Amino acid sequence: MPQMNPLLWFNLFIYFSLTLLIMCAYMYFTFKFNMSIKSINTLPKTSYLWKW
């Protein structure tokens, strides 16, 4: 195996973790937005979703 630059692995790790973080935040906020829209015209039992 050829010797890899540790700085390259570090940059790849930072890029990968930032991409995962952005994807998770995007999915979380879209899920929260959809739940808040659905909970407007549903029963008050879904009001615990607002406490996230």
PDB file of N, CA and C in Angstrom:
ATOM      1  N   MET A   1       0.842  -1.191   0.000  1.00  0.00           N
ATOM      2  CA  MET A   1       0.000   0.000   0.000  1.00  0.00           C
ATOM      3  C   MET A   1       0.884   1.250   0.000  1.00  0.00           C
ATOM      4  N   PRO A   2       0.586   2.220  -0.835  1.00  0.00           N
ATOM      5  CA  PRO A   2       1.379   3.460  -0.816  1.00  0.00           C
ATOM      6  C   PRO A   2       1.107   4.275   0.436  1.00  0.00           C
ATOM      7  N   GLN A   3       2.117   4.990   0.859  1.00  0.00           N
ATOM      8  CA  GLN A   3       1.985   5.804   2.067  1.00  0.00           C
ATOM      9  C   GLN A   3       1.136   7.036   1.770  1.00  0.00           C
ATOM     10  N   MET A   4       0.098   7.220   2.586  1.00  0.00           N
ATOM     11  CA  MET A   4      -0.796   8.357   2.395  1.00  0.00           C
ATOM     12  C   MET A   4      -0.402   9.501   3.309  1.00  0.00           C
ATOM     13  N   ASN A   5      -0.726  10.692   2.885  1.00  0.00           N
ATOM     14  CA  ASN A   5      -0.456  11.875   3.690  1.00  0.00           C
ATOM     15  C   ASN A   5      -1.468  11.946   4.831  1.00  0.00           C
ATOM     16  N   PRO A   6      -1.024  12.081   6.083  1.00  0.00           N
ATOM     17  CA  PRO A   6      -1.989  12.166   7.195  1.00  0.00           C
ATOM     18  C   PRO A   6      -2.876  13.397   7.110  1.00  0.00           C
ATOM     19  N   LEU A   7      -2.347  14.464   6.508  1.00  0.00           N
ATOM     20  CA  LEU A   7      -3.151  15.677   6.369  1.00  0.00           C
ATOM     21  C   LEU A   7      -4.316  15.442   5.413  1.00  0.00           C
ATOM     22  N   LEU A   8      -4.080  14.610   4.396  1.00  0.00           N
ATOM     23  CA  LEU A   8      -5.157  14.283   3.464  1.00  0.00           C
ATOM     24  C   LEU A   8      -6.260  13.507   4.165  1.00  0.00           C
ATOM     25  N   TRP A   9      -5.881  12.548   5.013  1.00  0.00           N
ATOM     26  CA  TRP A   9      -6.886  11.798   5.769  1.00  0.00           C
ATOM     27  C   TRP A   9      -7.633  12.719   6.721  1.00  0.00           C
ATOM     28  N   PHE A  10      -6.919  13.674   7.306  1.00  0.00           N
ATOM     29  CA  PHE A  10      -7.552  14.618   8.229  1.00  0.00           C
ATOM     30  C   PHE A  10      -8.575  15.480   7.497  1.00  0.00           C
ATOM     31  N   ASN A  11      -8.199  15.967   6.306  1.00  0.00           N
ATOM     32  CA  ASN A  11      -9.130  16.785   5.524  1.00  0.00           C
ATOM     33  C   ASN A  11     -10.333  15.970   5.067  1.00  0.00           C
ATOM     34  N   LEU A  12     -10.096  14.720   4.672  1.00  0.00           N
ATOM     35  CA  LEU A  12     -11.209  13.866   4.269  1.00  0.00           C
ATOM     36  C   LEU A  12     -12.149  13.599   5.437  1.00  0.00           C
ATOM     37  N   PHE A  13     -11.587  13.391   6.625  1.00  0.00           N
ATOM     38  CA  PHE A  13     -12.413  13.133   7.799  1.00  0.00           C
ATOM     39  C   PHE A  13     -13.250  14.355   8.149  1.00  0.00           C
ATOM     40  N   ILE A  14     -12.635  15.543   8.081  1.00  0.00           N
ATOM     41  CA  ILE A  14     -13.373  16.775   8.393  1.00  0.00           C
ATOM     42  C   ILE A  14     -14.481  16.991   7.361  1.00  0.00           C
ATOM     43  N   TYR A  15     -14.174  16.766   6.088  1.00  0.00           N
ATOM     44  CA  TYR A  15     -15.173  16.952   5.038  1.00  0.00           C
ATOM     45  C   TYR A  15     -16.331  15.968   5.200  1.00  0.00           C
ATOM     46  N   PHE A  16     -16.005  14.712   5.516  1.00  0.00           N
ATOM     47  CA  PHE A  16     -17.033  13.686   5.673  1.00  0.00           C
ATOM     48  C   PHE A  16     -17.913  13.965   6.879  1.00  0.00           C
ATOM     49  N   SER A  17     -17.293  14.379   7.995  1.00  0.00           N
ATOM     50  CA  SER A  17     -18.073  14.655   9.205  1.00  0.00           C
ATOM     51  C   SER A  17     -18.956  15.885   9.011  1.00  0.00           C
ATOM     52  N   LEU A  18     -18.446  16.899   8.307  1.00  0.00           N
ATOM     53  CA  LEU A  18     -19.265  18.085   8.044  1.00  0.00           C
ATOM     54  C   LEU A  18     -20.438  17.746   7.131  1.00  0.00           C
ATOM     55  N   THR A  19     -20.198  16.888   6.138  1.00  0.00           N
ATOM     56  CA  THR A  19     -21.290  16.485   5.255  1.00  0.00           C
ATOM     57  C   THR A  19     -22.355  15.714   6.019  1.00  0.00           C
ATOM     58  N   LEU A  20     -21.919  14.805   6.899  1.00  0.00           N
ATOM     59  CA  LEU A  20     -22.877  14.050   7.706  1.00  0.00           C
ATOM     60  C   LEU A  20     -23.653  14.969   8.629  1.00  0.00           C
ATOM     61  N   LEU A  21     -22.960  15.937   9.225  1.00  0.00           N
ATOM     62  CA  LEU A  21     -23.622  16.870  10.142  1.00  0.00           C
ATOM     63  C   LEU A  21     -24.673  17.698   9.405  1.00  0.00           C
ATOM     64  N   ILE A  22     -24.332  18.167   8.208  1.00  0.00           N
ATOM     65  CA  ILE A  22     -25.290  18.966   7.436  1.00  0.00           C
ATOM     66  C   ILE A  22     -26.483  18.108   7.019  1.00  0.00           C
ATOM     67  N   MET A  23     -26.232  16.860   6.617  1.00  0.00           N
ATOM     68  CA  MET A  23     -27.328  15.985   6.234  1.00  0.00           C
ATOM     69  C   MET A  23     -28.250  15.692   7.411  1.00  0.00           C
ATOM     70  N   CYS A  24     -27.666  15.427   8.571  1.00  0.00           N
ATOM     71  CA  CYS A  24     -28.481  15.137   9.755  1.00  0.00           C
ATOM     72  C   CYS A  24     -29.290  16.362  10.168  1.00  0.00           C
ATOM     73  N   ALA A  25     -28.674  17.537  10.125  1.00  0.00           N
ATOM     74  CA  ALA A  25     -29.400  18.754  10.495  1.00  0.00           C
ATOM     75  C   ALA A  25     -30.524  19.028   9.500  1.00  0.00           C
ATOM     76  N   TYR A  26     -30.265  18.798   8.212  1.00  0.00           N
ATOM     77  CA  TYR A  26     -31.297  19.019   7.198  1.00  0.00           C
ATOM     78  C   TYR A  26     -32.473  18.062   7.397  1.00  0.00           C
ATOM     79  N   MET A  27     -32.171  16.782   7.639  1.00  0.00           N
ATOM     80  CA  MET A  27     -33.237  15.814   7.865  1.00  0.00           C
ATOM     81  C   MET A  27     -34.009  16.131   9.140  1.00  0.00           C
ATOM     82  N   TYR A  28     -33.295  16.548  10.190  1.00  0.00           N
ATOM     83  CA  TYR A  28     -33.960  16.851  11.457  1.00  0.00           C
ATOM     84  C   TYR A  28     -34.895  18.045  11.313  1.00  0.00           C
ATOM     85  N   PHE A  29     -34.421  19.097  10.637  1.00  0.00           N
ATOM     86  CA  PHE A  29     -35.250  20.297  10.529  1.00  0.00           C
ATOM     87  C   PHE A  29     -36.424  20.088   9.582  1.00  0.00           C
ATOM     88  N   THR A  30     -36.236  19.304   8.515  1.00  0.00           N
ATOM     89  CA  THR A  30     -37.372  19.032   7.638  1.00  0.00           C
ATOM     90  C   THR A  30     -38.397  18.156   8.345  1.00  0.00           C
ATOM     91  N   PHE A  31     -37.928  17.188   9.145  1.00  0.00           N
ATOM     92  CA  PHE A  31     -38.847  16.343   9.904  1.00  0.00           C
ATOM     93  C   PHE A  31     -39.615  17.169  10.924  1.00  0.00           C
ATOM     94  N   LYS A  32     -38.917  18.071  11.614  1.00  0.00           N
ATOM     95  CA  LYS A  32     -39.567  18.921  12.604  1.00  0.00           C
ATOM     96  C   LYS A  32     -40.571  19.864  11.933  1.00  0.00           C
ATOM     97  N   PHE A  33     -40.207  20.377  10.767  1.00  0.00           N
ATOM     98  CA  PHE A  33     -41.101  21.276  10.041  1.00  0.00           C
ATOM     99  C   PHE A  33     -42.363  20.542   9.588  1.00  0.00           C
ATOM    100  N   ASN A  34     -42.195  19.318   9.066  1.00  0.00           N
ATOM    101  CA  ASN A  34     -43.357  18.543   8.632  1.00  0.00           C
ATOM    102  C   ASN A  34     -44.236  18.166   9.817  1.00  0.00           C
ATOM    103  N   MET A  35     -43.616  17.810  10.942  1.00  0.00           N
ATOM    104  CA  MET A  35     -44.396  17.461  12.124  1.00  0.00           C
ATOM    105  C   MET A  35     -45.157  18.675  12.643  1.00  0.00           C
ATOM    106  N   SER A  36     -44.539  19.850  12.600  1.00  0.00           N
ATOM    107  CA  SER A  36     -45.226  21.044  13.099  1.00  0.00           C
ATOM    108  C   SER A  36     -46.388  21.408  12.181  1.00  0.00           C
ATOM    109  N   ILE A  37     -46.232  21.171  10.879  1.00  0.00           N
ATOM    110  CA  ILE A  37     -47.340  21.446   9.951  1.00  0.00           C
ATOM    111  C   ILE A  37     -48.473  20.446  10.191  1.00  0.00           C
ATOM    112  N   LYS A  38     -48.125  19.167  10.389  1.00  0.00           N
ATOM    113  CA  LYS A  38     -49.161  18.164  10.610  1.00  0.00           C
ATOM    114  C   LYS A  38     -49.859  18.358  11.947  1.00  0.00           C
ATOM    115  N   SER A  39     -49.134  18.835  12.951  1.00  0.00           N
ATOM    116  CA  SER A  39     -49.725  18.948  14.281  1.00  0.00           C
ATOM    117  C   SER A  39     -50.648  20.154  14.401  1.00  0.00           C
ATOM    118  N   ILE A  40     -50.684  21.008  13.373  1.00  0.00           N
ATOM    119  CA  ILE A  40     -51.595  22.155  13.437  1.00  0.00           C
ATOM    120  C   ILE A  40     -53.040  21.672  13.324  1.00  0.00           C
ATOM    121  N   ASN A  41     -53.282  20.719  12.438  1.00  0.00           N
ATOM    122  CA  ASN A  41     -54.648  20.248  12.222  1.00  0.00           C
ATOM    123  C   ASN A  41     -54.828  18.806  12.703  1.00  0.00           C
ATOM    124  N   THR A  42     -54.199  18.468  13.834  1.00  0.00           N
ATOM    125  CA  THR A  42     -54.417  17.161  14.449  1.00  0.00           C
ATOM    126  C   THR A  42     -54.751  17.363  15.916  1.00  0.00           C
ATOM    127  N   LEU A  43     -54.870  16.257  16.632  1.00  0.00           N
ATOM    128  CA  LEU A  43     -55.238  16.329  18.045  1.00  0.00           C
ATOM    129  C   LEU A  43     -54.108  16.923  18.870  1.00  0.00           C
ATOM    130  N   PRO A  44     -54.401  17.471  20.057  1.00  0.00           N
ATOM    131  CA  PRO A  44     -53.351  18.052  20.911  1.00  0.00           C
ATOM    132  C   PRO A  44     -52.397  17.018  21.500  1.00  0.00           C
ATOM    133  N   LYS A  45     -52.618  15.733  21.226  1.00  0.00           N
ATOM    134  CA  LYS A  45     -51.707  14.725  21.779  1.00  0.00           C
ATOM    135  C   LYS A  45     -50.328  14.787  21.125  1.00  0.00           C
ATOM    136  N   THR A  46     -50.217  15.464  19.988  1.00  0.00           N
ATOM    137  CA  THR A  46     -48.919  15.601  19.324  1.00  0.00           C
ATOM    138  C   THR A  46     -48.182  16.849  19.788  1.00  0.00           C
ATOM    139  N   SER A  47     -48.678  17.498  20.839  1.00  0.00           N
ATOM    140  CA  SER A  47     -48.041  18.735  21.294  1.00  0.00           C
ATOM    141  C   SER A  47     -46.686  18.474  21.947  1.00  0.00           C
ATOM    142  N   TYR A  48     -46.366  17.207  22.263  1.00  0.00           N
ATOM    143  CA  TYR A  48     -45.054  16.932  22.853  1.00  0.00           C
ATOM    144  C   TYR A  48     -43.948  17.072  21.820  1.00  0.00           C
ATOM    145  N   LEU A  49     -44.299  17.085  20.543  1.00  0.00           N
ATOM    146  CA  LEU A  49     -43.283  17.273  19.506  1.00  0.00           C
ATOM    147  C   LEU A  49     -42.735  18.691  19.496  1.00  0.00           C
ATOM    148  N   TRP A  50     -43.488  19.636  20.068  1.00  0.00           N
ATOM    149  CA  TRP A  50     -43.006  21.013  20.110  1.00  0.00           C
ATOM    150  C   TRP A  50     -41.893  21.186  21.135  1.00  0.00           C
ATOM    151  N   LYS A  51     -41.748  20.234  22.057  1.00  0.00           N
ATOM    152  CA  LYS A  51     -40.753  20.379  23.128  1.00  0.00           C
ATOM    153  C   LYS A  51     -39.357  19.957  22.699  1.00  0.00           C
ATOM    154  N   TRP A  52     -39.200  19.484  21.457  1.00  0.00           N
ATOM    155  CA  TRP A  52     -37.866  19.091  20.999  1.00  0.00           C
ATOM    156  C   TRP A  52     -36.949  20.304  20.989  1.00  0.00           C
TER     157      TRP A  52
END
